[in-house]
Amino acid sequence: MLEKKIIVVGIGPGDAKFITPAALEKISAAKFLVGGRRALETFSSSSQVTFPITKNLDAALNFIREKILIGQVVVMVSGDPGYYSMLDLLRKNFDVKLIEVIPSISALQLAFAKLAMSWYDATLLSFHGRRPIDDKLKFEPEKILGLLTDGEYNSATISKILIDLGWNGDTSLTICARLSYPDEKIISTTLAAAVNSEPIKHCVLIVGQ
């Protein structure tokens, strides 16, 4: 059996208090640590060899290829590794038998928790660097959406898209920004109001309740 060489660790929605003990154990024991700059600033130690994840993903992949010849590499990803993270890229470039995944709390999970809502029946989609197909976004009775956003697809532009796809402007919209951080904001509004308001970027949107 191949030894697990790449440990993909979810570090949660942001604040370190939401990371699991299992994830912290893997991070603290890592000799080679890969992650976003903010994650490295938060979790790395001076004894570790680190490499930042940037837009140049090939550089990170090359670092991992080099270091797994020596020992384990821990790759930190925000939220849960199984939901729109670097995990898919790693699976395409390395034998899956080399990969171990430590799950964590996603921003979507935390957003639904903030509203004391179950999310097992919600439609979860991401506008982060992409646009979901219209069939998944269009209005259906009792439908609830949980959406990740980015700069282009934000609270205003997404609300306009949903109204164009049949959602009533009076539909409830909750904007969850900076989740888990001290400046966290939970804003209750409607789709129509959001279209005409200052856009909020890089947040979670919960549509319909």
Protein backbone atom coordinates (compact mmCIF):
# COMPACT_ATOMS: atom_id res chain seq x y z
CA MET A 1 0.00 0.00 0.00
CA LEU A 2 1.29 3.44 -0.92
CA GLU A 3 2.09 5.73 2.00
CA LYS A 4 -0.06 8.85 2.23
CA LYS A 5 2.23 11.62 1.09
CA ILE A 6 -0.12 14.55 0.45
CA ILE A 7 -2.39 15.58 3.33
CA VAL A 8 -5.11 18.00 2.20
CA VAL A 9 -6.38 19.83 5.27
CA GLY A 10 -9.46 22.02 5.47
CA ILE A 11 -8.83 25.05 7.67
CA GLY A 12 -12.44 26.18 7.90
CA PRO A 13 -14.10 29.50 7.06
CA GLY A 14 -11.39 31.77 8.44
CA ASP A 15 -11.04 32.13 12.19
CA ALA A 16 -8.62 29.58 13.63
CA LYS A 17 -11.12 28.54 16.31
CA PHE A 18 -13.15 26.74 13.64
CA ILE A 19 -10.33 24.41 12.61
CA THR A 20 -10.53 20.83 13.90
CA PRO A 21 -7.95 19.28 16.26
CA ALA A 22 -7.21 16.62 13.62
CA ALA A 23 -6.35 19.32 11.09
CA LEU A 24 -4.19 21.23 13.58
CA GLU A 25 -2.31 18.04 14.42
CA LYS A 26 -1.43 17.45 10.76
CA ILE A 27 -0.43 21.09 10.24
CA SER A 28 1.78 21.29 13.30
CA ALA A 29 3.55 18.02 12.41
CA ALA A 30 4.18 19.02 8.79
CA LYS A 31 7.71 19.48 7.56
CA PHE A 32 6.47 20.85 4.23
CA LEU A 33 3.44 23.14 4.36
CA VAL A 34 1.53 24.61 1.40
CA GLY A 35 -1.29 27.15 1.66
CA GLY A 36 -2.51 30.65 1.01
CA ARG A 37 -0.36 33.45 2.40
CA ARG A 38 -2.82 34.28 5.17
CA ALA A 39 -3.06 30.62 6.18
CA LEU A 40 0.71 30.31 6.27
CA GLU A 41 0.97 33.44 8.42
CA THR A 42 -1.60 31.99 10.83
CA PHE A 43 -0.52 28.35 11.11
CA SER A 44 3.10 27.88 10.02
CA SER A 45 6.15 27.82 12.27
CA SER A 46 9.74 28.83 11.61
CA SER A 47 10.82 25.18 11.53
CA GLN A 48 8.62 24.37 8.53
CA VAL A 49 9.42 24.69 4.83
CA THR A 50 6.47 26.60 3.35
CA PHE A 51 5.20 27.42 -0.12
CA PRO A 52 2.37 29.88 -0.89
CA ILE A 53 -0.54 29.03 -3.15
CA THR A 54 -0.93 31.80 -5.74
CA LYS A 55 -2.45 32.05 -9.20
CA ASN A 56 0.60 30.12 -10.40
CA LEU A 57 -0.73 26.73 -9.37
CA ASP A 58 1.90 24.91 -11.42
CA ALA A 59 4.56 26.26 -9.06
CA ALA A 60 2.73 24.79 -6.07
CA LEU A 61 2.34 21.45 -7.86
CA ASN A 62 6.05 21.37 -8.67
CA PHE A 63 6.91 22.08 -5.03
CA ILE A 64 4.68 19.19 -3.93
CA ARG A 65 6.20 16.83 -6.55
CA GLU A 66 9.67 17.67 -5.29
CA LYS A 67 8.96 17.40 -1.58
CA ILE A 68 6.90 14.17 -1.58
CA LEU A 69 10.11 12.43 -2.59
CA ILE A 70 11.42 13.39 0.85
CA GLY A 71 8.36 13.27 3.09
CA GLN A 72 4.75 14.24 3.62
CA VAL A 73 3.38 17.54 2.34
CA VAL A 74 0.41 19.19 4.05
CA VAL A 75 -1.74 21.36 1.78
CA MET A 76 -4.06 23.78 3.58
CA VAL A 77 -7.26 24.82 1.79
CA SER A 78 -9.97 27.16 3.02
CA GLY A 79 -13.35 25.74 4.01
CA ASP A 80 -13.82 22.03 3.36
CA PRO A 81 -11.48 20.33 0.85
CA GLY A 82 -14.39 18.52 -0.79
CA TYR A 83 -16.12 21.72 -1.94
CA TYR A 84 -14.37 23.73 -4.68
CA SER A 85 -10.81 23.51 -3.44
CA MET A 86 -7.41 22.48 -4.74
CA LEU A 87 -8.30 18.84 -4.08
CA ASP A 88 -9.57 18.27 -7.63
CA LEU A 89 -6.32 19.60 -9.09
CA LEU A 90 -4.27 17.36 -6.82
CA ARG A 91 -6.32 14.30 -7.82
CA LYS A 92 -5.61 15.06 -11.48
CA ASN A 93 -1.87 15.34 -10.91
CA PHE A 94 -1.13 12.66 -8.30
CA ASP A 95 -2.15 9.08 -7.57
CA VAL A 96 -5.23 9.35 -5.36
CA LYS A 97 -3.71 6.66 -3.14
CA LEU A 98 -1.10 9.23 -2.13
CA ILE A 99 -3.76 11.66 -0.88
CA GLU A 100 -5.38 11.89 2.54
CA VAL A 101 -8.14 14.43 3.23
CA ILE A 102 -9.01 16.03 6.58
CA PRO A 103 -12.47 17.63 6.25
CA SER A 104 -13.57 20.85 7.89
CA ILE A 105 -16.35 23.42 8.15
CA SER A 106 -17.24 25.24 4.95
CA ALA A 107 -18.45 28.84 4.75
CA LEU A 108 -21.79 27.52 3.50
CA GLN A 109 -22.20 25.28 6.55
CA LEU A 110 -21.45 28.20 8.84
CA ALA A 111 -23.85 30.51 6.98
CA PHE A 112 -26.75 28.09 7.38
CA ALA A 113 -25.81 27.59 11.03
CA LYS A 114 -25.91 31.36 11.60
CA LEU A 115 -29.51 31.32 10.40
CA ALA A 116 -30.37 28.19 12.43
CA MET A 117 -31.34 26.53 9.14
CA SER A 118 -30.96 22.96 7.94
CA TRP A 119 -29.13 22.76 4.63
CA TYR A 120 -29.59 19.12 3.58
CA ASP A 121 -32.31 20.09 1.09
CA ALA A 122 -30.72 23.31 -0.18
CA THR A 123 -29.17 23.71 -3.62
CA LEU A 124 -25.51 24.58 -3.05
CA LEU A 125 -23.71 26.33 -5.90
CA SER A 126 -20.62 28.43 -6.49
CA PHE A 127 -20.25 31.65 -8.46
CA HIS A 128 -16.60 31.85 -7.46
CA GLY A 129 -14.80 32.12 -10.80
CA ARG A 130 -17.71 30.50 -12.63
CA ARG A 131 -21.44 30.76 -13.31
CA PRO A 132 -23.71 27.78 -12.58
CA ILE A 133 -26.05 26.71 -15.36
CA ASP A 134 -29.45 28.41 -15.42
CA ASP A 135 -31.34 25.17 -14.82
CA LYS A 136 -29.79 24.92 -11.36
CA LEU A 137 -30.49 28.57 -10.57
CA LYS A 138 -34.02 29.00 -11.89
CA PHE A 139 -36.91 29.47 -9.49
CA GLU A 140 -38.80 26.51 -8.07
CA PRO A 141 -41.34 26.59 -5.22
CA GLU A 142 -39.77 26.00 -1.78
CA LYS A 143 -36.29 26.13 -3.32
CA ILE A 144 -33.43 27.38 -1.14
CA LEU A 145 -30.08 28.39 -2.57
CA GLY A 146 -26.71 28.57 -0.84
CA LEU A 147 -24.25 30.45 -3.03
CA LEU A 148 -20.55 31.25 -2.91
CA THR A 149 -19.64 34.53 -4.61
CA ASP A 150 -16.62 36.45 -5.88
CA GLY A 151 -15.92 40.01 -7.00
CA GLU A 152 -17.76 39.92 -10.34
CA TYR A 153 -20.60 37.71 -9.15
CA ASN A 154 -21.62 39.51 -5.98
CA SER A 155 -24.78 40.23 -3.99
CA ALA A 156 -26.08 42.68 -6.61
CA THR A 157 -25.22 40.89 -9.85
CA ILE A 158 -26.38 37.48 -8.60
CA SER A 159 -29.67 38.92 -7.34
CA LYS A 160 -30.31 40.39 -10.82
CA ILE A 161 -29.55 37.02 -12.43
CA LEU A 162 -32.00 35.24 -10.12
CA ILE A 163 -34.79 37.74 -10.76
CA ASP A 164 -34.25 37.28 -14.51
CA LEU A 165 -34.61 33.52 -13.95
CA GLY A 166 -38.03 33.83 -12.33
CA TRP A 167 -37.37 34.60 -8.68
CA ASN A 168 -39.66 37.23 -7.15
CA GLY A 169 -37.92 40.43 -6.15
CA ASP A 170 -39.45 40.09 -2.68
CA THR A 171 -37.67 36.78 -2.10
CA SER A 172 -35.64 36.87 1.10
CA LEU A 173 -31.87 37.15 0.75
CA THR A 174 -29.35 36.82 3.56
CA ILE A 175 -25.85 38.11 2.88
CA CYS A 176 -23.20 36.51 5.10
CA ALA A 177 -19.91 38.38 4.86
CA ARG A 178 -16.58 37.84 6.64
CA LEU A 179 -17.95 34.78 8.39
CA SER A 180 -16.17 33.82 11.63
CA TYR A 181 -14.14 37.06 11.72
CA PRO A 182 -14.67 39.86 14.28
CA ASP A 183 -16.18 42.10 11.58
CA GLU A 184 -18.66 39.44 10.44
CA LYS A 185 -21.88 40.82 8.93
CA ILE A 186 -25.23 39.08 8.50
CA ILE A 187 -27.57 41.22 6.38
CA SER A 188 -31.23 40.33 5.82
CA THR A 189 -32.71 41.88 2.69
CA THR A 190 -34.51 40.94 -0.54
CA LEU A 191 -33.32 40.20 -4.06
CA ALA A 192 -34.79 43.44 -5.42
CA ALA A 193 -33.21 45.55 -2.68
CA ALA A 194 -29.83 43.89 -3.20
CA VAL A 195 -29.86 44.72 -6.92
CA ASN A 196 -30.02 48.42 -6.06
CA SER A 197 -27.62 48.35 -3.11
CA GLU A 198 -23.85 48.52 -2.80
CA PRO A 199 -22.52 45.12 -3.95
CA ILE A 200 -21.05 42.87 -1.28
CA LYS A 201 -18.29 40.67 -2.65
CA HIS A 202 -16.70 37.38 -1.56
CA CYS A 203 -19.58 36.38 0.70
CA VAL A 204 -22.19 33.67 1.07
CA LEU A 205 -25.77 34.25 -0.10
CA ILE A 206 -28.75 32.34 1.26
CA VAL A 207 -31.80 32.77 -0.97
CA GLY A 208 -35.30 31.82 0.24
CA GLN A 209 -36.19 30.70 3.75
